[in-house]
Amino acid sequence: MTATEVFESITNGGTSDFALHARILAAHGPWCLIGGLAVLTDVVQGKIRAWQDQKRRPGKRKKDELDLMRILEAYREQREAMPKEIREQVLRK
């Protein structure tokens, strides 16, 4: 069994899923990967909408919040695109 086959069996298609996700992102413009999070303006906006959705499970919303915080830590120039609550947590002095 190859390393890819082992990974596929453990992640139930993780390699294929990632490859598909990468193709979709590439079709919409430049993107980068930060600790497993693909960053693209549409992805960030989607994360913001998901984080604000009160119907989502609290754990999912917290994960979205942490993803947004990590993006802002890495890309301070994105501060104006982030909700005030996220900015205040990350940009404290």
Protein backbone atom coordinates (compact mmCIF):
# COMPACT_ATOMS: atom_id res chain seq x y z
CA MET A 1 0.00 0.00 0.00
CA THR A 2 1.37 3.44 -0.90
CA ALA A 3 1.42 6.39 1.50
CA THR A 4 -1.36 8.01 -0.54
CA GLU A 5 -3.49 4.87 -0.31
CA VAL A 6 -2.97 4.70 3.46
CA PHE A 7 -3.90 8.37 3.83
CA GLU A 8 -6.98 7.88 1.63
CA SER A 9 -8.12 4.92 3.72
CA ILE A 10 -7.62 6.75 7.02
CA THR A 11 -9.23 10.02 5.93
CA ASN A 12 -11.97 8.53 3.77
CA GLY A 13 -10.77 10.28 0.64
CA GLY A 14 -8.84 13.18 2.18
CA THR A 15 -6.30 13.42 -0.62
CA SER A 16 -8.97 13.42 -3.30
CA ASP A 17 -11.07 15.93 -1.36
CA PHE A 18 -8.10 18.26 -0.94
CA ALA A 19 -7.18 17.99 -4.62
CA LEU A 20 -10.74 18.88 -5.59
CA HIS A 21 -10.78 21.80 -3.16
CA ALA A 22 -7.44 23.06 -4.54
CA ARG A 23 -8.78 22.94 -8.12
CA ILE A 24 -11.89 24.91 -7.12
CA LEU A 25 -9.83 27.55 -5.32
CA ALA A 26 -7.37 27.85 -8.21
CA ALA A 27 -10.25 28.42 -10.62
CA HIS A 28 -11.28 31.49 -8.59
CA GLY A 29 -7.91 33.17 -8.22
CA PRO A 30 -4.84 33.14 -6.00
CA TRP A 31 -5.00 31.35 -2.66
CA CYS A 32 -2.69 30.02 0.00
CA LEU A 33 -2.77 27.39 2.72
CA ILE A 34 -2.32 28.36 6.37
CA GLY A 35 -2.24 25.46 8.77
CA GLY A 36 -4.84 23.55 6.80
CA LEU A 37 -7.00 26.58 6.05
CA ALA A 38 -7.27 27.73 2.43
CA VAL A 39 -7.45 31.51 2.35
CA LEU A 40 -9.34 33.27 -0.38
CA THR A 41 -11.58 36.31 -0.01
CA ASP A 42 -14.68 34.22 -0.65
CA VAL A 43 -13.54 31.63 1.88
CA VAL A 44 -12.97 34.32 4.52
CA GLN A 45 -16.40 35.81 3.86
CA GLY A 46 -17.91 32.34 4.07
CA LYS A 47 -16.20 31.79 7.42
CA ILE A 48 -17.58 35.09 8.68
CA ARG A 49 -21.12 34.14 7.62
CA ALA A 50 -20.76 30.70 9.21
CA TRP A 51 -19.41 32.22 12.45
CA GLN A 52 -22.36 34.64 12.59
CA ASP A 53 -24.97 31.91 11.96
CA GLN A 54 -26.71 31.41 15.32
CA LYS A 55 -28.24 28.13 14.10
CA ARG A 56 -24.85 26.42 13.84
CA ARG A 57 -23.57 24.24 16.66
CA PRO A 58 -21.55 26.25 19.19
CA GLY A 59 -18.44 24.11 18.58
CA LYS A 60 -18.59 24.76 14.82
CA ARG A 61 -19.00 28.49 15.42
CA LYS A 62 -16.03 28.49 17.80
CA LYS A 63 -13.89 26.73 15.17
CA ASP A 64 -14.90 29.38 12.61
CA GLU A 65 -13.99 32.08 15.12
CA LEU A 66 -10.55 30.54 15.72
CA ASP A 67 -9.98 30.20 11.95
CA LEU A 68 -10.79 33.90 11.51
CA MET A 69 -8.46 34.82 14.37
CA ARG A 70 -5.60 32.82 12.81
CA ILE A 71 -6.16 34.51 9.46
CA LEU A 72 -6.05 37.94 11.07
CA GLU A 73 -2.90 37.04 13.03
CA ALA A 74 -1.17 36.05 9.81
CA TYR A 75 -2.66 38.82 7.64
CA ARG A 76 -3.08 41.97 9.72
CA GLU A 77 -3.96 43.87 6.56
CA GLN A 78 -7.29 41.99 6.60
CA ARG A 79 -8.39 43.76 9.81
CA GLU A 80 -11.03 45.90 8.11
CA ALA A 81 -12.67 42.81 6.57
CA MET A 82 -12.99 41.12 9.97
CA PRO A 83 -15.89 41.58 12.37
CA LYS A 84 -15.16 43.94 15.26
CA GLU A 85 -15.32 41.12 17.84
CA ILE A 86 -12.59 39.19 16.04
CA ARG A 87 -10.43 42.30 15.60
CA GLU A 88 -10.69 43.19 19.27
CA GLN A 89 -9.57 39.73 20.37
CA VAL A 90 -6.58 39.57 18.02
CA LEU A 91 -5.39 43.15 17.97
CA ARG A 92 -5.31 43.77 21.74
CA LYS A 93 -2.20 45.52 22.94
